[in-house]
Amino acid sequence: MKRKIKRKVTIRDVANLINVHHSTVSRALSSDKRDQISFAMIEKVENDIPFILVNRTVDGGDVNAVVVDEDCGIRTVLDHLRSLIHTRIAHIAGPQHTSTGYHRARAVSDYLRTHGMRSDLVETTERFTIEEGERAFRKLLARNIDFTAIVTGNDLLALGCMDVMEEVGLLVPGDISICGYDDILFLERMNPALTTVSLPKYEMGSYAVRALLEIIGGESDRSGVIRLQPRLVIRNSTATASR
């Protein structure tokens, strides 16, 4: 038991390092609205330095970006849970001022309504962190509503949920199945290993660099969003619904 806890702390430390970088970048690109990027700043940057967003978009404006098809990612994970007879699925949503948090939450809600399932088992977080996952999952438990599976807005939120589950004696996936999103480092080393939606990170970086070089070289002056397909990675945190 002590060995298992020690390994989890190591994973959490690494995840927090990733999250520190993520939060720093997010704050640098944020102000008041979804993906809170000031268009005045974008216009200034466009005039001086070509740029392209990766894994983020903005509402309105002509901005170059490389993202994943969030509808596809959410659909694959919810199809997986439905195949395991889960019909009461909760969602720990990412920050709604980010495009990833907003679009993933919307895709979950649309899917559940389309398939005749409850779409109100949702708690929203302020940041993509383990601590926010813990806080949101506690709020979900406090609502005293039965659910058998959770989809989270990213992997760090899932880790937070799993910490609380262990604390209160809930088994993963025996009592509750859980799925993350992003496929960050070391998830396969956890016990149980986390089922998640994996982003094509190498391809996203490659497309972004190629598009940026084309802009710099004058080969392209068109703004647009490139959407790549994510894939579901099934590990040990999901199983057939037990009730």
Protein backbone atom coordinates (compact mmCIF):
# COMPACT_ATOMS: atom_id res chain seq x y z
CA MET A 1 0.00 0.00 0.00
CA LYS A 2 2.79 2.42 0.87
CA ARG A 3 4.49 1.63 -2.42
CA LYS A 4 1.31 2.46 -4.36
CA ILE A 5 0.92 5.82 -2.58
CA LYS A 6 4.54 6.70 -3.23
CA ARG A 7 4.16 6.02 -6.95
CA LYS A 8 1.02 8.16 -7.13
CA VAL A 9 2.85 11.10 -5.51
CA THR A 10 5.57 10.80 -8.15
CA ILE A 11 3.01 10.90 -10.94
CA ARG A 12 1.28 13.86 -9.33
CA ASP A 13 4.54 15.78 -9.05
CA VAL A 14 5.21 15.27 -12.76
CA ALA A 15 1.62 16.20 -13.63
CA ASN A 16 1.92 19.39 -11.59
CA LEU A 17 5.08 20.34 -13.48
CA ILE A 18 3.13 19.98 -16.72
CA ASN A 19 0.27 22.00 -15.24
CA VAL A 20 2.57 24.84 -14.13
CA HIS A 21 3.69 25.25 -17.74
CA HIS A 22 0.10 25.03 -18.99
CA SER A 23 -1.14 27.62 -16.49
CA THR A 24 1.69 30.03 -17.29
CA VAL A 25 0.94 29.89 -21.01
CA SER A 26 -2.81 30.23 -20.39
CA ARG A 27 -2.34 33.30 -18.20
CA ALA A 28 -0.06 34.89 -20.79
CA LEU A 29 -2.79 34.54 -23.41
CA SER A 30 -5.81 35.46 -21.24
CA SER A 31 -8.10 38.38 -20.42
CA ASP A 32 -11.92 38.35 -20.04
CA LYS A 33 -13.70 36.08 -22.52
CA ARG A 34 -13.44 32.57 -23.81
CA ASP A 35 -9.80 31.96 -24.62
CA GLN A 36 -9.51 35.49 -23.43
CA ILE A 37 -7.00 36.60 -26.03
CA SER A 38 -7.05 40.32 -26.72
CA PHE A 39 -7.63 40.87 -30.43
CA ALA A 40 -5.75 44.16 -30.14
CA MET A 41 -2.77 42.13 -28.96
CA ILE A 42 -3.27 39.60 -31.75
CA GLU A 43 -3.38 42.35 -34.35
CA LYS A 44 -0.15 43.81 -32.97
CA VAL A 45 1.55 40.41 -32.94
CA GLU A 46 0.34 39.66 -36.46
CA ASN A 47 1.87 42.88 -37.70
CA ASP A 48 5.24 42.07 -36.16
CA ILE A 49 5.64 38.32 -35.73
CA PRO A 50 3.73 35.51 -37.49
CA PHE A 51 2.14 33.12 -34.99
CA ILE A 52 -0.10 30.09 -34.72
CA LEU A 53 -2.06 28.78 -31.75
CA VAL A 54 -1.74 25.11 -30.77
CA ASN A 55 -4.57 23.32 -28.95
CA ARG A 56 -6.46 26.60 -28.57
CA THR A 57 -8.79 28.69 -30.70
CA VAL A 58 -10.54 32.03 -30.21
CA ASP A 59 -14.05 33.20 -30.97
CA GLY A 60 -14.13 35.46 -34.00
CA GLY A 61 -11.15 36.96 -35.76
CA ASP A 62 -8.88 35.30 -38.30
CA VAL A 63 -6.42 33.30 -36.25
CA ASN A 64 -4.19 30.43 -37.35
CA ALA A 65 -4.53 27.40 -35.08
CA VAL A 66 -3.88 23.67 -34.93
CA VAL A 67 -6.39 21.86 -32.72
CA VAL A 68 -8.06 18.47 -32.36
CA ASP A 69 -11.62 17.63 -33.31
CA GLU A 70 -13.13 17.86 -29.82
CA ASP A 71 -16.51 16.48 -30.98
CA CYS A 72 -14.74 13.37 -32.26
CA GLY A 73 -12.73 12.93 -29.07
CA ILE A 74 -15.75 13.23 -26.80
CA ARG A 75 -17.84 11.00 -29.05
CA THR A 76 -15.26 8.19 -28.94
CA VAL A 77 -14.98 8.23 -25.15
CA LEU A 78 -18.74 8.36 -24.62
CA ASP A 79 -19.31 5.61 -27.20
CA HIS A 80 -16.83 3.54 -25.19
CA LEU A 81 -18.72 4.14 -21.93
CA ARG A 82 -22.07 3.37 -23.57
CA SER A 83 -20.62 0.09 -24.85
CA LEU A 84 -19.93 -0.73 -21.18
CA ILE A 85 -23.62 -0.11 -20.31
CA HIS A 86 -23.04 3.23 -18.59
CA THR A 87 -26.13 5.46 -18.80
CA ARG A 88 -25.50 7.84 -15.88
CA ILE A 89 -22.36 9.72 -16.89
CA ALA A 90 -21.05 12.79 -15.08
CA HIS A 91 -18.69 15.42 -16.44
CA ILE A 92 -16.00 17.41 -14.64
CA ALA A 93 -15.68 20.27 -17.11
CA GLY A 94 -12.57 22.34 -17.71
CA PRO A 95 -12.51 26.14 -17.43
CA GLN A 96 -15.17 27.66 -19.66
CA HIS A 97 -12.96 30.60 -20.58
CA THR A 98 -10.74 28.19 -22.52
CA SER A 99 -11.72 26.82 -25.91
CA THR A 100 -10.81 23.26 -24.88
CA GLY A 101 -12.86 23.39 -21.68
CA TYR A 102 -15.82 25.00 -23.42
CA HIS A 103 -15.94 22.82 -26.53
CA ARG A 104 -15.42 19.55 -24.64
CA ALA A 105 -18.19 20.40 -22.18
CA ARG A 106 -20.54 21.35 -25.00
CA ALA A 107 -19.73 18.12 -26.87
CA VAL A 108 -20.48 16.04 -23.74
CA SER A 109 -23.82 17.81 -23.20
CA ASP A 110 -24.86 17.47 -26.85
CA TYR A 111 -23.97 13.77 -26.93
CA LEU A 112 -25.83 12.90 -23.72
CA ARG A 113 -28.96 14.76 -24.79
CA THR A 114 -28.87 13.16 -28.23
CA HIS A 115 -28.75 9.70 -26.63
CA GLY A 116 -31.50 10.40 -24.10
CA MET A 117 -29.24 10.59 -21.04
CA ARG A 118 -29.05 13.18 -18.28
CA SER A 119 -26.80 16.09 -19.20
CA ASP A 120 -26.92 17.99 -15.91
CA LEU A 121 -24.40 15.88 -13.94
CA VAL A 122 -21.76 18.54 -14.47
CA GLU A 123 -19.33 20.43 -12.24
CA THR A 124 -17.17 23.16 -13.76
CA THR A 125 -13.61 23.95 -12.74
CA GLU A 126 -11.63 27.18 -12.82
CA ARG A 127 -8.31 25.61 -13.83
CA PHE A 128 -7.04 22.38 -15.37
CA THR A 129 -5.43 21.17 -12.12
CA ILE A 130 -5.50 18.18 -9.80
CA GLU A 131 -6.78 20.38 -6.98
CA GLU A 132 -9.69 21.61 -9.08
CA GLY A 133 -10.53 18.01 -9.98
CA GLU A 134 -10.64 17.17 -6.28
CA ARG A 135 -12.86 20.17 -5.49
CA ALA A 136 -15.28 19.50 -8.34
CA PHE A 137 -15.59 15.80 -7.53
CA ARG A 138 -16.39 16.57 -3.90
CA LYS A 139 -19.16 18.90 -5.08
CA LEU A 140 -20.47 16.18 -7.36
CA LEU A 141 -20.57 13.67 -4.50
CA ALA A 142 -22.31 16.21 -2.26
CA ARG A 143 -25.21 16.37 -4.74
CA ASN A 144 -26.04 12.77 -3.78
CA ILE A 145 -26.89 11.81 -7.36
CA ASP A 146 -26.14 8.33 -8.64
CA PHE A 147 -23.67 8.03 -11.53
CA THR A 148 -21.45 5.20 -12.72
CA ALA A 149 -18.89 6.97 -14.91
CA ILE A 150 -17.09 10.30 -15.24
CA VAL A 151 -15.53 12.06 -18.20
CA THR A 152 -13.16 14.85 -17.25
CA GLY A 153 -12.02 17.89 -19.23
CA ASN A 154 -8.40 16.77 -18.99
CA ASP A 155 -6.18 14.18 -17.31
CA LEU A 156 -5.19 16.33 -14.33
CA LEU A 157 -8.84 16.74 -13.37
CA ALA A 158 -9.20 12.96 -13.58
CA LEU A 159 -6.23 12.48 -11.24
CA GLY A 160 -7.90 14.80 -8.73
CA CYS A 161 -11.12 12.80 -8.93
CA MET A 162 -9.21 9.56 -8.40
CA ASP A 163 -7.46 10.97 -5.32
CA VAL A 164 -10.84 11.72 -3.71
CA MET A 165 -12.26 8.35 -4.74
CA GLU A 166 -9.41 6.61 -2.96
CA GLU A 167 -9.95 8.82 0.07
CA VAL A 168 -13.67 7.99 0.38
CA GLY A 169 -13.29 4.31 -0.47
CA LEU A 170 -14.70 4.28 -4.02
CA LEU A 171 -13.08 1.78 -6.37
CA VAL A 172 -11.96 2.58 -9.92
CA PRO A 173 -13.41 1.10 -12.05
CA GLY A 174 -15.41 -1.19 -9.72
CA ASP A 175 -17.66 1.59 -8.43
CA ILE A 176 -17.03 4.37 -10.93
CA SER A 177 -15.31 4.33 -14.32
CA ILE A 178 -13.32 7.42 -15.22
CA CYS A 179 -11.89 8.80 -18.46
CA GLY A 180 -9.47 11.68 -18.93
CA TYR A 181 -8.49 13.74 -21.94
CA ASP A 182 -5.04 14.65 -23.39
CA ASP A 183 -2.97 11.53 -22.54
CA ILE A 184 -0.21 13.20 -20.52
CA LEU A 185 2.96 11.41 -19.44
CA PHE A 186 2.98 8.33 -17.19
CA LEU A 187 -0.76 7.61 -17.16
CA GLU A 188 -0.02 4.02 -18.17
CA ARG A 189 2.09 3.62 -15.01
CA MET A 190 -0.80 4.41 -12.67
CA ASN A 191 -2.85 1.80 -10.89
CA PRO A 192 -5.40 1.70 -12.41
CA ALA A 193 -4.01 3.12 -15.64
CA LEU A 194 -6.22 5.93 -16.94
CA THR A 195 -8.38 5.56 -20.03
CA THR A 196 -8.08 8.81 -21.95
CA VAL A 197 -8.36 10.61 -25.27
CA SER A 198 -4.90 10.94 -26.77
CA LEU A 199 -3.98 14.06 -28.71
CA PRO A 200 -1.71 13.69 -31.77
CA LYS A 201 0.90 15.93 -30.15
CA TYR A 202 3.72 15.29 -32.62
CA GLU A 203 1.46 15.89 -35.61
CA MET A 204 0.04 19.06 -34.03
CA GLY A 205 3.52 20.44 -33.54
CA SER A 206 4.59 19.42 -37.04
CA TYR A 207 1.54 21.00 -38.70
CA ALA A 208 1.99 24.15 -36.64
CA VAL A 209 5.66 24.56 -37.62
CA ARG A 210 4.97 23.87 -41.30
CA ALA A 211 2.09 26.36 -41.36
CA LEU A 212 4.20 28.95 -39.58
CA LEU A 213 7.10 28.50 -42.00
CA GLU A 214 4.70 28.94 -44.92
CA ILE A 215 3.45 32.21 -43.43
CA ILE A 216 6.99 33.43 -42.76
CA GLY A 217 8.08 32.45 -46.27
CA GLY A 218 5.14 34.27 -47.85
CA GLU A 219 3.71 31.03 -49.25
CA SER A 220 0.46 31.49 -47.37
CA ASP A 221 -1.34 34.51 -45.94
CA ARG A 222 -4.65 32.83 -45.19
CA SER A 223 -5.81 32.32 -41.62
CA GLY A 224 -7.48 29.09 -40.69
CA VAL A 225 -7.89 26.26 -38.20
CA ILE A 226 -6.42 22.81 -38.83
CA ARG A 227 -8.32 20.07 -36.96
CA LEU A 228 -6.65 16.72 -36.35
CA GLN A 229 -8.24 13.50 -35.12
CA PRO A 230 -7.60 12.33 -31.54
CA ARG A 231 -7.82 8.67 -30.55
CA LEU A 232 -9.19 6.80 -27.56
CA VAL A 233 -6.64 4.91 -25.43
CA ILE A 234 -8.46 2.27 -23.37
CA ARG A 235 -6.67 1.30 -20.17
CA ASN A 236 -7.87 -0.04 -16.78
CA SER A 237 -9.96 2.81 -15.36
CA THR A 238 -13.11 1.83 -17.26
CA ALA A 239 -15.22 -1.32 -16.96
CA THR A 240 -18.79 -2.51 -17.38
CA ALA A 241 -21.24 -0.60 -15.20
CA SER A 242 -21.82 -2.49 -11.94
CA ARG A 243 -25.29 -1.08 -11.22
